[in-house]
Amino acid sequence: MRLDKFLKVSRLLKRRSIASEACSLDRIKVNGLISKAGKQLKPGDIITLRYGEKDMSFKVLIIPEKDVNKEESGNLYEFVDTQS
């Protein structure tokens, strides 16, 4: 699944267009590398989002076959503590 679509489906970002824009502004990394919106994700990838001056990292657990509902979206990833 494309990075921008995963961010939307997982509800880490509200809309796919916002995810694409964040990628073009180099605010999203996958496994430590700045990534484009079309990057194909796989389970185990680490997504780092930059919110202002703060970075938040998430590990991809599941790549869904289709869109998921709001209750299931939190099961697609887990928060990774990057402070260690």
Protein backbone atom coordinates (compact mmCIF):
# COMPACT_ATOMS: atom_id res chain seq x y z
CA MET A 1 0.00 0.00 0.00
CA ARG A 2 1.20 3.51 -0.78
CA LEU A 3 2.49 5.63 2.09
CA ASP A 4 -0.06 8.41 1.59
CA LYS A 5 -2.98 5.98 1.51
CA PHE A 6 -1.74 4.14 4.63
CA LEU A 7 -1.50 7.43 6.54
CA LYS A 8 -5.10 8.19 5.60
CA VAL A 9 -6.51 4.69 6.25
CA SER A 10 -4.72 4.45 9.61
CA ARG A 11 -5.97 7.94 10.47
CA LEU A 12 -2.47 9.17 11.34
CA LEU A 13 -3.33 12.04 8.98
CA LYS A 14 -6.85 13.18 8.17
CA ARG A 15 -6.77 13.23 4.36
CA ARG A 16 -4.67 11.66 1.63
CA SER A 17 -3.99 15.07 0.11
CA ILE A 18 -2.51 16.23 3.43
CA ALA A 19 -0.33 13.09 3.53
CA SER A 20 0.90 13.75 -0.03
CA GLU A 21 1.68 17.37 0.82
CA ALA A 22 3.57 16.35 3.98
CA CYS A 23 5.66 13.94 1.88
CA SER A 24 6.48 16.65 -0.66
CA LEU A 25 7.58 18.93 2.20
CA ASP A 26 9.97 16.18 3.47
CA ARG A 27 8.08 15.81 6.78
CA ILE A 28 7.67 12.04 6.55
CA LYS A 29 10.39 9.41 6.73
CA VAL A 30 10.18 5.65 6.34
CA ASN A 31 12.96 3.68 8.03
CA GLY A 32 14.94 6.89 8.51
CA LEU A 33 14.81 8.02 4.86
CA ILE A 34 12.71 10.89 3.50
CA SER A 35 9.97 9.24 1.45
CA LYS A 36 7.64 10.11 -1.39
CA ALA A 37 3.87 9.59 -1.22
CA GLY A 38 4.08 6.58 -3.55
CA LYS A 39 6.49 4.60 -1.33
CA GLN A 40 5.23 1.04 -0.91
CA LEU A 41 4.99 0.04 2.75
CA LYS A 42 5.36 -3.38 4.32
CA PRO A 43 4.83 -4.63 7.89
CA GLY A 44 7.75 -3.67 10.11
CA ASP A 45 8.45 -0.32 8.44
CA ILE A 46 8.94 2.63 10.79
CA ILE A 47 7.12 5.84 9.78
CA THR A 48 8.34 9.09 11.33
CA LEU A 49 6.06 12.12 11.12
CA ARG A 50 7.31 15.62 11.87
CA TYR A 51 4.75 17.80 13.66
CA GLY A 52 6.36 21.23 13.97
CA GLU A 53 9.54 20.60 15.95
CA LYS A 54 8.45 17.20 17.28
CA ASP A 55 8.95 13.81 15.61
CA MET A 56 6.59 10.90 16.24
CA SER A 57 7.39 7.36 15.07
CA PHE A 58 5.05 4.47 14.35
CA LYS A 59 5.73 0.86 13.40
CA VAL A 60 3.52 -0.59 10.65
CA LEU A 61 1.94 -3.81 11.95
CA ILE A 62 -0.63 -4.64 9.26
CA ILE A 63 -1.17 -3.51 5.68
CA PRO A 64 -4.95 -3.69 5.13
CA GLU A 65 -6.43 -5.15 1.95
CA LYS A 66 -9.15 -2.47 1.96
CA ASP A 67 -10.21 0.56 3.98
CA VAL A 68 -10.86 -0.12 7.66
CA ASN A 69 -13.29 1.45 10.08
CA LYS A 70 -12.31 3.89 12.80
CA GLU A 71 -12.16 1.26 15.56
CA GLU A 72 -9.80 -0.99 13.57
CA SER A 73 -7.49 1.78 12.33
CA GLY A 74 -5.49 1.83 15.59
CA ASN A 75 -4.56 -1.83 15.08
CA LEU A 76 -2.55 -1.04 11.92
CA TYR A 77 0.38 0.54 13.77
CA GLU A 78 2.01 0.98 17.17
CA PHE A 79 3.75 4.00 18.65
CA VAL A 80 7.54 3.70 18.83
CA ASP A 81 9.37 5.59 21.57
CA THR A 82 12.28 7.34 19.87
CA GLN A 83 13.68 8.92 23.06
CA SER A 84 15.97 5.98 23.90
